[in-house]
Amino acid sequence: MLKIAAVLLSGITFGALLRKHPVNILPKIIMVLVWVLLFSIGVEVGSDPKIIGHLHDLGLEALVLTLAGLAGSMGTAFALWKYANRRTGR
């Protein structure tokens, strides 16, 4: 837990120091890292025989929860995007 807090605080410090110097490539790097993280999670889940073996037990409830979570996240992100764009005048 202390390592996570240290990494987070170092990132905040680094971001504060670079605030006046925009790093244009940073969003692309972040997107690549998110894709690598998602792929790694998929590999981890796919290589676990207990999860794959009990996949059929998850059933309709897991599907409904997943779709509801996805819809809620997308709806909230869209609402926040609209709100942010309304406030900035774009």
PDB file of N, CA and C in Angstrom:
ATOM      1  N   MET A   1       0.826  -1.200   0.000  1.00  0.00           N
ATOM      2  CA  MET A   1       0.000   0.000   0.000  1.00  0.00           C
ATOM      3  C   MET A   1       0.863   1.253   0.000  1.00  0.00           C
ATOM      4  N   LEU A   2       1.971   1.193   0.720  1.00  0.00           N
ATOM      5  CA  LEU A   2       2.868   2.339   0.777  1.00  0.00           C
ATOM      6  C   LEU A   2       3.508   2.597  -0.584  1.00  0.00           C
ATOM      7  N   LYS A   3       3.804   1.520  -1.330  1.00  0.00           N
ATOM      8  CA  LYS A   3       4.375   1.681  -2.665  1.00  0.00           C
ATOM      9  C   LYS A   3       3.384   2.391  -3.595  1.00  0.00           C
ATOM     10  N   ILE A   4       2.118   2.014  -3.488  1.00  0.00           N
ATOM     11  CA  ILE A   4       1.095   2.631  -4.334  1.00  0.00           C
ATOM     12  C   ILE A   4       0.974   4.116  -4.022  1.00  0.00           C
ATOM     13  N   ALA A   5       0.962   4.459  -2.736  1.00  0.00           N
ATOM     14  CA  ALA A   5       0.873   5.863  -2.339  1.00  0.00           C
ATOM     15  C   ALA A   5       2.100   6.635  -2.808  1.00  0.00           C
ATOM     16  N   ALA A   6       3.280   6.018  -2.738  1.00  0.00           N
ATOM     17  CA  ALA A   6       4.507   6.693  -3.175  1.00  0.00           C
ATOM     18  C   ALA A   6       4.491   6.943  -4.674  1.00  0.00           C
ATOM     19  N   VAL A   7       4.038   5.964  -5.443  1.00  0.00           N
ATOM     20  CA  VAL A   7       3.957   6.140  -6.895  1.00  0.00           C
ATOM     21  C   VAL A   7       2.938   7.217  -7.237  1.00  0.00           C
ATOM     22  N   LEU A   8       1.800   7.214  -6.564  1.00  0.00           N
ATOM     23  CA  LEU A   8       0.768   8.227  -6.803  1.00  0.00           C
ATOM     24  C   LEU A   8       1.287   9.623  -6.475  1.00  0.00           C
ATOM     25  N   LEU A   9       1.939   9.768  -5.340  1.00  0.00           N
ATOM     26  CA  LEU A   9       2.465  11.078  -4.948  1.00  0.00           C
ATOM     27  C   LEU A   9       3.584  11.544  -5.880  1.00  0.00           C
ATOM     28  N   SER A  10       4.410  10.616  -6.351  1.00  0.00           N
ATOM     29  CA  SER A  10       5.462  11.013  -7.289  1.00  0.00           C
ATOM     30  C   SER A  10       4.849  11.458  -8.620  1.00  0.00           C
ATOM     31  N   GLY A  11       3.783  10.798  -9.042  1.00  0.00           N
ATOM     32  CA  GLY A  11       3.092  11.225 -10.264  1.00  0.00           C
ATOM     33  C   GLY A  11       2.455  12.593 -10.123  1.00  0.00           C
ATOM     34  N   ILE A  12       1.867  12.858  -8.962  1.00  0.00           N
ATOM     35  CA  ILE A  12       1.277  14.173  -8.712  1.00  0.00           C
ATOM     36  C   ILE A  12       2.360  15.248  -8.723  1.00  0.00           C
ATOM     37  N   THR A  13       3.483  14.952  -8.086  1.00  0.00           N
ATOM     38  CA  THR A  13       4.592  15.906  -8.046  1.00  0.00           C
ATOM     39  C   THR A  13       5.129  16.164  -9.453  1.00  0.00           C
ATOM     40  N   PHE A  14       5.335  15.107 -10.208  1.00  0.00           N
ATOM     41  CA  PHE A  14       5.834  15.223 -11.573  1.00  0.00           C
ATOM     42  C   PHE A  14       4.863  16.038 -12.433  1.00  0.00           C
ATOM     43  N   GLY A  15       3.574  15.773 -12.287  1.00  0.00           N
ATOM     44  CA  GLY A  15       2.566  16.518 -13.036  1.00  0.00           C
ATOM     45  C   GLY A  15       2.527  17.983 -12.659  1.00  0.00           C
ATOM     46  N   ALA A  16       2.697  18.285 -11.374  1.00  0.00           N
ATOM     47  CA  ALA A  16       2.704  19.678 -10.937  1.00  0.00           C
ATOM     48  C   ALA A  16       3.917  20.419 -11.484  1.00  0.00           C
ATOM     49  N   LEU A  17       5.051  19.743 -11.558  1.00  0.00           N
ATOM     50  CA  LEU A  17       6.254  20.379 -12.082  1.00  0.00           C
ATOM     51  C   LEU A  17       6.154  20.630 -13.589  1.00  0.00           C
ATOM     52  N   LEU A  18       5.470  19.764 -14.302  1.00  0.00           N
ATOM     53  CA  LEU A  18       5.336  19.899 -15.758  1.00  0.00           C
ATOM     54  C   LEU A  18       4.057  20.616 -16.180  1.00  0.00           C
ATOM     55  N   ARG A  19       3.370  21.213 -15.250  1.00  0.00           N
ATOM     56  CA  ARG A  19       2.096  21.851 -15.543  1.00  0.00           C
ATOM     57  C   ARG A  19       2.210  22.919 -16.628  1.00  0.00           C
ATOM     58  N   LYS A  20       3.283  23.682 -16.608  1.00  0.00           N
ATOM     59  CA  LYS A  20       3.441  24.763 -17.574  1.00  0.00           C
ATOM     60  C   LYS A  20       4.062  24.295 -18.895  1.00  0.00           C
ATOM     61  N   HIS A  21       4.487  23.041 -18.941  1.00  0.00           N
ATOM     62  CA  HIS A  21       5.086  22.475 -20.146  1.00  0.00           C
ATOM     63  C   HIS A  21       4.247  21.278 -20.593  1.00  0.00           C
ATOM     64  N   PRO A  22       3.246  21.514 -21.462  1.00  0.00           N
ATOM     65  CA  PRO A  22       2.374  20.409 -21.863  1.00  0.00           C
ATOM     66  C   PRO A  22       3.142  19.311 -22.606  1.00  0.00           C
ATOM     67  N   VAL A  23       2.809  18.088 -22.267  1.00  0.00           N
ATOM     68  CA  VAL A  23       3.416  16.924 -22.917  1.00  0.00           C
ATOM     69  C   VAL A  23       2.353  16.345 -23.851  1.00  0.00           C
ATOM     70  N   ASN A  24       2.485  16.619 -25.143  1.00  0.00           N
ATOM     71  CA  ASN A  24       1.446  16.256 -26.106  1.00  0.00           C
ATOM     72  C   ASN A  24       1.346  14.756 -26.347  1.00  0.00           C
ATOM     73  N   ILE A  25       2.424  14.020 -26.126  1.00  0.00           N
ATOM     74  CA  ILE A  25       2.406  12.584 -26.405  1.00  0.00           C
ATOM     75  C   ILE A  25       1.839  11.790 -25.226  1.00  0.00           C
ATOM     76  N   LEU A  26       1.687  12.426 -24.077  1.00  0.00           N
ATOM     77  CA  LEU A  26       1.248  11.724 -22.880  1.00  0.00           C
ATOM     78  C   LEU A  26      -0.098  11.014 -23.036  1.00  0.00           C
ATOM     79  N   PRO A  27      -1.127  11.619 -23.633  1.00  0.00           N
ATOM     80  CA  PRO A  27      -2.390  10.884 -23.805  1.00  0.00           C
ATOM     81  C   PRO A  27      -2.238   9.604 -24.624  1.00  0.00           C
ATOM     82  N   LYS A  28      -1.378   9.625 -25.629  1.00  0.00           N
ATOM     83  CA  LYS A  28      -1.156   8.423 -26.437  1.00  0.00           C
ATOM     84  C   LYS A  28      -0.465   7.340 -25.619  1.00  0.00           C
ATOM     85  N   ILE A  29       0.512   7.750 -24.815  1.00  0.00           N
ATOM     86  CA  ILE A  29       1.207   6.787 -23.956  1.00  0.00           C
ATOM     87  C   ILE A  29       0.238   6.173 -22.957  1.00  0.00           C
ATOM     88  N   ILE A  30      -0.615   7.000 -22.371  1.00  0.00           N
ATOM     89  CA  ILE A  30      -1.595   6.503 -21.401  1.00  0.00           C
ATOM     90  C   ILE A  30      -2.537   5.510 -22.063  1.00  0.00           C
ATOM     91  N   MET A  31      -2.995   5.801 -23.278  1.00  0.00           N
ATOM     92  CA  MET A  31      -3.904   4.894 -23.981  1.00  0.00           C
ATOM     93  C   MET A  31      -3.239   3.551 -24.250  1.00  0.00           C
ATOM     94  N   VAL A  32      -1.991   3.577 -24.678  1.00  0.00           N
ATOM     95  CA  VAL A  32      -1.265   2.330 -24.922  1.00  0.00           C
ATOM     96  C   VAL A  32      -1.130   1.536 -23.619  1.00  0.00           C
ATOM     97  N   LEU A  33      -0.816   2.210 -22.529  1.00  0.00           N
ATOM     98  CA  LEU A  33      -0.669   1.526 -21.245  1.00  0.00           C
ATOM     99  C   LEU A  33      -1.992   0.937 -20.756  1.00  0.00           C
ATOM    100  N   VAL A  34      -3.098   1.626 -21.007  1.00  0.00           N
ATOM    101  CA  VAL A  34      -4.412   1.085 -20.641  1.00  0.00           C
ATOM    102  C   VAL A  34      -4.698  -0.179 -21.437  1.00  0.00           C
ATOM    103  N   TRP A  35      -4.395  -0.167 -22.739  1.00  0.00           N
ATOM    104  CA  TRP A  35      -4.609  -1.358 -23.571  1.00  0.00           C
ATOM    105  C   TRP A  35      -3.736  -2.515 -23.113  1.00  0.00           C
ATOM    106  N   VAL A  36      -2.485  -2.216 -22.754  1.00  0.00           N
ATOM    107  CA  VAL A  36      -1.584  -3.266 -22.253  1.00  0.00           C
ATOM    108  C   VAL A  36      -2.117  -3.833 -20.940  1.00  0.00           C
ATOM    109  N   LEU A  37      -2.624  -2.963 -20.069  1.00  0.00           N
ATOM    110  CA  LEU A  37      -3.198  -3.417 -18.802  1.00  0.00           C
ATOM    111  C   LEU A  37      -4.414  -4.317 -19.038  1.00  0.00           C
ATOM    112  N   LEU A  38      -5.307  -3.915 -19.930  1.00  0.00           N
ATOM    113  CA  LEU A  38      -6.485  -4.735 -20.233  1.00  0.00           C
ATOM    114  C   LEU A  38      -6.088  -6.077 -20.830  1.00  0.00           C
ATOM    115  N   PHE A  39      -5.112  -6.067 -21.724  1.00  0.00           N
ATOM    116  CA  PHE A  39      -4.640  -7.317 -22.308  1.00  0.00           C
ATOM    117  C   PHE A  39      -4.048  -8.229 -21.229  1.00  0.00           C
ATOM    118  N   SER A  40      -3.261  -7.642 -20.326  1.00  0.00           N
ATOM    119  CA  SER A  40      -2.651  -8.423 -19.238  1.00  0.00           C
ATOM    120  C   SER A  40      -3.701  -9.041 -18.326  1.00  0.00           C
ATOM    121  N   ILE A  41      -4.746  -8.288 -18.028  1.00  0.00           N
ATOM    122  CA  ILE A  41      -5.831  -8.825 -17.209  1.00  0.00           C
ATOM    123  C   ILE A  41      -6.518  -9.971 -17.939  1.00  0.00           C
ATOM    124  N   GLY A  42      -6.732  -9.818 -19.246  1.00  0.00           N
ATOM    125  CA  GLY A  42      -7.333 -10.888 -20.036  1.00  0.00           C
ATOM    126  C   GLY A  42      -6.491 -12.146 -20.053  1.00  0.00           C
ATOM    127  N   VAL A  43      -5.186 -11.979 -20.175  1.00  0.00           N
ATOM    128  CA  VAL A  43      -4.283 -13.133 -20.147  1.00  0.00           C
ATOM    129  C   VAL A  43      -4.346 -13.814 -18.786  1.00  0.00           C
ATOM    130  N   GLU A  44      -4.365 -13.027 -17.727  1.00  0.00           N
ATOM    131  CA  GLU A  44      -4.426 -13.578 -16.364  1.00  0.00           C
ATOM    132  C   GLU A  44      -5.721 -14.369 -16.151  1.00  0.00           C
ATOM    133  N   VAL A  45      -6.843 -13.812 -16.579  1.00  0.00           N
ATOM    134  CA  VAL A  45      -8.124 -14.501 -16.424  1.00  0.00           C
ATOM    135  C   VAL A  45      -8.174 -15.741 -17.309  1.00  0.00           C
ATOM    136  N   GLY A  46      -7.699 -15.621 -18.537  1.00  0.00           N
ATOM    137  CA  GLY A  46      -7.738 -16.753 -19.464  1.00  0.00           C
ATOM    138  C   GLY A  46      -6.826 -17.899 -19.069  1.00  0.00           C
ATOM    139  N   SER A  47      -5.769 -17.600 -18.345  1.00  0.00           N
ATOM    140  CA  SER A  47      -4.841 -18.664 -17.955  1.00  0.00           C
ATOM    141  C   SER A  47      -5.206 -19.324 -16.632  1.00  0.00           C
ATOM    142  N   ASP A  48      -6.226 -18.829 -15.959  1.00  0.00           N
ATOM    143  CA  ASP A  48      -6.645 -19.419 -14.685  1.00  0.00           C
ATOM    144  C   ASP A  48      -7.696 -20.499 -14.954  1.00  0.00           C
ATOM    145  N   PRO A  49      -7.335 -21.770 -14.767  1.00  0.00           N
ATOM    146  CA  PRO A  49      -8.287 -22.843 -15.078  1.00  0.00           C
ATOM    147  C   PRO A  49      -9.528 -22.832 -14.187  1.00  0.00           C
ATOM    148  N   LYS A  50      -9.416 -22.324 -12.972  1.00  0.00           N
ATOM    149  CA  LYS A  50     -10.594 -22.268 -12.095  1.00  0.00           C
ATOM    150  C   LYS A  50     -11.640 -21.308 -12.653  1.00  0.00           C
ATOM    151  N   ILE A  51     -11.190 -20.166 -13.156  1.00  0.00           N
ATOM    152  CA  ILE A  51     -12.133 -19.192 -13.707  1.00  0.00           C
ATOM    153  C   ILE A  51     -12.749 -19.732 -14.985  1.00  0.00           C
ATOM    154  N   ILE A  52     -11.924 -20.239 -15.879  1.00  0.00           N
ATOM    155  CA  ILE A  52     -12.429 -20.764 -17.150  1.00  0.00           C
ATOM    156  C   ILE A  52     -13.336 -21.969 -16.918  1.00  0.00           C
ATOM    157  N   GLY A  53     -12.976 -22.816 -15.959  1.00  0.00           N
ATOM    158  CA  GLY A  53     -13.786 -23.997 -15.665  1.00  0.00           C
ATOM    159  C   GLY A  53     -15.155 -23.681 -15.090  1.00  0.00           C
ATOM    160  N   HIS A  54     -15.276 -22.566 -14.391  1.00  0.00           N
ATOM    161  CA  HIS A  54     -16.549 -22.189 -13.768  1.00  0.00           C
ATOM    162  C   HIS A  54     -17.222 -21.029 -14.493  1.00  0.00           C
ATOM    163  N   LEU A  55     -16.797 -20.766 -15.708  1.00  0.00           N
ATOM    164  CA  LEU A  55     -17.368 -19.662 -16.465  1.00  0.00           C
ATOM    165  C   LEU A  55     -18.870 -19.843 -16.693  1.00  0.00           C
ATOM    166  N   HIS A  56     -19.275 -21.077 -16.916  1.00  0.00           N
ATOM    167  CA  HIS A  56     -20.707 -21.320 -17.153  1.00  0.00           C
ATOM    168  C   HIS A  56     -21.536 -21.107 -15.889  1.00  0.00           C
ATOM    169  N   ASP A  57     -20.918 -21.170 -14.705  1.00  0.00           N
ATOM    170  CA  ASP A  57     -21.648 -20.950 -13.455  1.00  0.00           C
ATOM    171  C   ASP A  57     -21.984 -19.485 -13.222  1.00  0.00           C
ATOM    172  N   LEU A  58     -21.273 -18.610 -13.894  1.00  0.00           N
ATOM    173  CA  LEU A  58     -21.516 -17.184 -13.676  1.00  0.00           C
ATOM    174  C   LEU A  58     -22.896 -16.780 -14.177  1.00  0.00           C
ATOM    175  N   GLY A  59     -23.255 -17.267 -15.324  1.00  0.00           N
ATOM    176  CA  GLY A  59     -24.615 -17.161 -15.823  1.00  0.00           C
ATOM    177  C   GLY A  59     -25.118 -15.780 -16.164  1.00  0.00           C
ATOM    178  N   LEU A  60     -26.441 -15.699 -16.198  1.00  0.00           N
ATOM    179  CA  LEU A  60     -27.151 -14.503 -16.622  1.00  0.00           C
ATOM    180  C   LEU A  60     -26.947 -13.345 -15.648  1.00  0.00           C
ATOM    181  N   GLU A  61     -26.834 -13.654 -14.371  1.00  0.00           N
ATOM    182  CA  GLU A  61     -26.665 -12.589 -13.375  1.00  0.00           C
ATOM    183  C   GLU A  61     -25.384 -11.795 -13.634  1.00  0.00           C
ATOM    184  N   ALA A  62     -24.303 -12.484 -13.932  1.00  0.00           N
ATOM    185  CA  ALA A  62     -23.043 -11.792 -14.221  1.00  0.00           C
ATOM    186  C   ALA A  62     -23.162 -10.951 -15.483  1.00  0.00           C
ATOM    187  N   LEU A  63     -23.853 -11.459 -16.482  1.00  0.00           N
ATOM    188  CA  LEU A  63     -24.046 -10.707 -17.710  1.00  0.00           C
ATOM    189  C   LEU A  63     -24.855  -9.439 -17.455  1.00  0.00           C
ATOM    190  N   VAL A  64     -25.928  -9.559 -16.681  1.00  0.00           N
ATOM    191  CA  VAL A  64     -26.764  -8.398 -16.370  1.00  0.00           C
ATOM    192  C   VAL A  64     -25.972  -7.364 -15.570  1.00  0.00           C
ATOM    193  N   LEU A  65     -25.221  -7.816 -14.573  1.00  0.00           N
ATOM    194  CA  LEU A  65     -24.413  -6.892 -13.776  1.00  0.00           C
ATOM    195  C   LEU A  65     -23.358  -6.195 -14.634  1.00  0.00           C
ATOM    196  N   THR A  66     -22.743  -6.939 -15.536  1.00  0.00           N
ATOM    197  CA  THR A  66     -21.739  -6.357 -16.419  1.00  0.00           C
ATOM    198  C   THR A  66     -22.343  -5.304 -17.324  1.00  0.00           C
ATOM    199  N   LEU A  67     -23.459  -5.635 -17.955  1.00  0.00           N
ATOM    200  CA  LEU A  67     -24.104  -4.692 -18.863  1.00  0.00           C
ATOM    201  C   LEU A  67     -24.625  -3.465 -18.123  1.00  0.00           C
ATOM    202  N   ALA A  68     -25.157  -3.655 -16.920  1.00  0.00           N
ATOM    203  CA  ALA A  68     -25.638  -2.518 -16.126  1.00  0.00           C
ATOM    204  C   ALA A  68     -24.476  -1.620 -15.711  1.00  0.00           C
ATOM    205  N   GLY A  69     -23.376  -2.210 -15.299  1.00  0.00           N
ATOM    206  CA  GLY A  69     -22.201  -1.415 -14.945  1.00  0.00           C
ATOM    207  C   GLY A  69     -21.643  -0.659 -16.130  1.00  0.00           C
ATOM    208  N   LEU A  70     -21.610  -1.318 -17.276  1.00  0.00           N
ATOM    209  CA  LEU A  70     -21.131  -0.680 -18.492  1.00  0.00           C
ATOM    210  C   LEU A  70     -22.040   0.477 -18.899  1.00  0.00           C
ATOM    211  N   ALA A  71     -23.347   0.246 -18.862  1.00  0.00           N
ATOM    212  CA  ALA A  71     -24.296   1.294 -19.229  1.00  0.00           C
ATOM    213  C   ALA A  71     -24.210   2.472 -18.258  1.00  0.00           C
ATOM    214  N   GLY A  72     -24.088   2.195 -16.980  1.00  0.00           N
ATOM    215  CA  GLY A  72     -23.971   3.264 -15.994  1.00  0.00           C
ATOM    216  C   GLY A  72     -22.697   4.070 -16.172  1.00  0.00           C
ATOM    217  N   SER A  73     -21.597   3.388 -16.438  1.00  0.00           N
ATOM    218  CA  SER A  73     -20.325   4.086 -16.650  1.00  0.00           C
ATOM    219  C   SER A  73     -20.379   4.938 -17.912  1.00  0.00           C
ATOM    220  N   MET A  74     -20.924   4.384 -18.977  1.00  0.00           N
ATOM    221  CA  MET A  74     -21.019   5.137 -20.219  1.00  0.00           C
ATOM    222  C   MET A  74     -21.954   6.332 -20.073  1.00  0.00           C
ATOM    223  N   GLY A  75     -23.068   6.142 -19.389  1.00  0.00           N
ATOM    224  CA  GLY A  75     -24.014   7.240 -19.180  1.00  0.00           C
ATOM    225  C   GLY A  75     -23.418   8.354 -18.339  1.00  0.00           C
ATOM    226  N   THR A  76     -22.714   7.984 -17.290  1.00  0.00           N
ATOM    227  CA  THR A  76     -22.086   8.979 -16.429  1.00  0.00           C
ATOM    228  C   THR A  76     -20.974   9.717 -17.172  1.00  0.00           C
ATOM    229  N   ALA A  77     -20.159   8.994 -17.920  1.00  0.00           N
ATOM    230  CA  ALA A  77     -19.090   9.625 -18.691  1.00  0.00           C
ATOM    231  C   ALA A  77     -19.661  10.590 -19.724  1.00  0.00           C
ATOM    232  N   PHE A  78     -20.736  10.194 -20.388  1.00  0.00           N
ATOM    233  CA  PHE A  78     -21.362  11.059 -21.378  1.00  0.00           C
ATOM    234  C   PHE A  78     -21.926  12.314 -20.724  1.00  0.00           C
ATOM    235  N   ALA A  79     -22.599  12.151 -19.580  1.00  0.00           N
ATOM    236  CA  ALA A  79     -23.165  13.307 -18.871  1.00  0.00           C
ATOM    237  C   ALA A  79     -22.064  14.261 -18.407  1.00  0.00           C
ATOM    238  N   LEU A  80     -20.976  13.729 -17.890  1.00  0.00           N
ATOM    239  CA  LEU A  80     -19.867  14.578 -17.455  1.00  0.00           C
ATOM    240  C   LEU A  80     -19.213  15.278 -18.637  1.00  0.00           C
ATOM    241  N   TRP A  81     -19.105  14.585 -19.765  1.00  0.00           N
ATOM    242  CA  TRP A  81     -18.539  15.183 -20.960  1.00  0.00           C
ATOM    243  C   TRP A  81     -19.400  16.353 -21.444  1.00  0.00           C
ATOM    244  N   LYS A  82     -20.709  16.131 -21.468  1.00  0.00           N
ATOM    245  CA  LYS A  82     -21.628  17.192 -21.881  1.00  0.00           C
ATOM    246  C   LYS A  82     -21.555  18.372 -20.914  1.00  0.00           C
ATOM    247  N   TYR A  83     -21.485  18.073 -19.614  1.00  0.00           N
ATOM    248  CA  TYR A  83     -21.413  19.129 -18.603  1.00  0.00           C
ATOM    249  C   TYR A  83     -20.113  19.921 -18.752  1.00  0.00           C
ATOM    250  N   ALA A  84     -18.994  19.237 -18.951  1.00  0.00           N
ATOM    251  CA  ALA A  84     -17.700  19.911 -19.088  1.00  0.00           C
ATOM    252  C   ALA A  84     -17.663  20.765 -20.347  1.00  0.00           C
ATOM    253  N   ASN A  85     -18.205  20.274 -21.440  1.00  0.00           N
ATOM    254  CA  ASN A  85     -18.206  21.037 -22.674  1.00  0.00           C
ATOM    255  C   ASN A  85     -19.158  22.239 -22.596  1.00  0.00           C
ATOM    256  N   ARG A  86     -20.229  22.102 -21.834  1.00  0.00           N
ATOM    257  CA  ARG A  86     -21.161  23.213 -21.656  1.00  0.00           C
ATOM    258  C   ARG A  86     -20.491  24.336 -20.882  1.00  0.00           C
ATOM    259  N   ARG A  87     -19.702  23.971 -19.875  1.00  0.00           N
ATOM    260  CA  ARG A  87     -19.048  24.963 -19.029  1.00  0.00           C
ATOM    261  C   ARG A  87     -17.880  25.645 -19.730  1.00  0.00           C
ATOM    262  N   THR A  88     -17.210  24.942 -20.639  1.00  0.00           N
ATOM    263  CA  THR A  88     -16.083  25.550 -21.339  1.00  0.00           C
ATOM    264  C   THR A  88     -16.520  26.302 -22.593  1.00  0.00           C
ATOM    265  N   GLY A  89     -17.768  26.124 -23.002  1.00  0.00           N
ATOM    266  CA  GLY A  89     -18.294  26.840 -24.148  1.00  0.00           C
ATOM    267  C   GLY A  89     -17.971  26.216 -25.483  1.00  0.00           C
ATOM    268  N   ARG A  90     -17.532  24.963 -25.492  1.00  0.00           N
ATOM    269  CA  ARG A  90     -17.231  24.290 -26.757  1.00  0.00           C
ATOM    270  C   ARG A  90     -18.439  23.584 -27.284  1.00  0.00           C
TER     271      ARG A  90
END
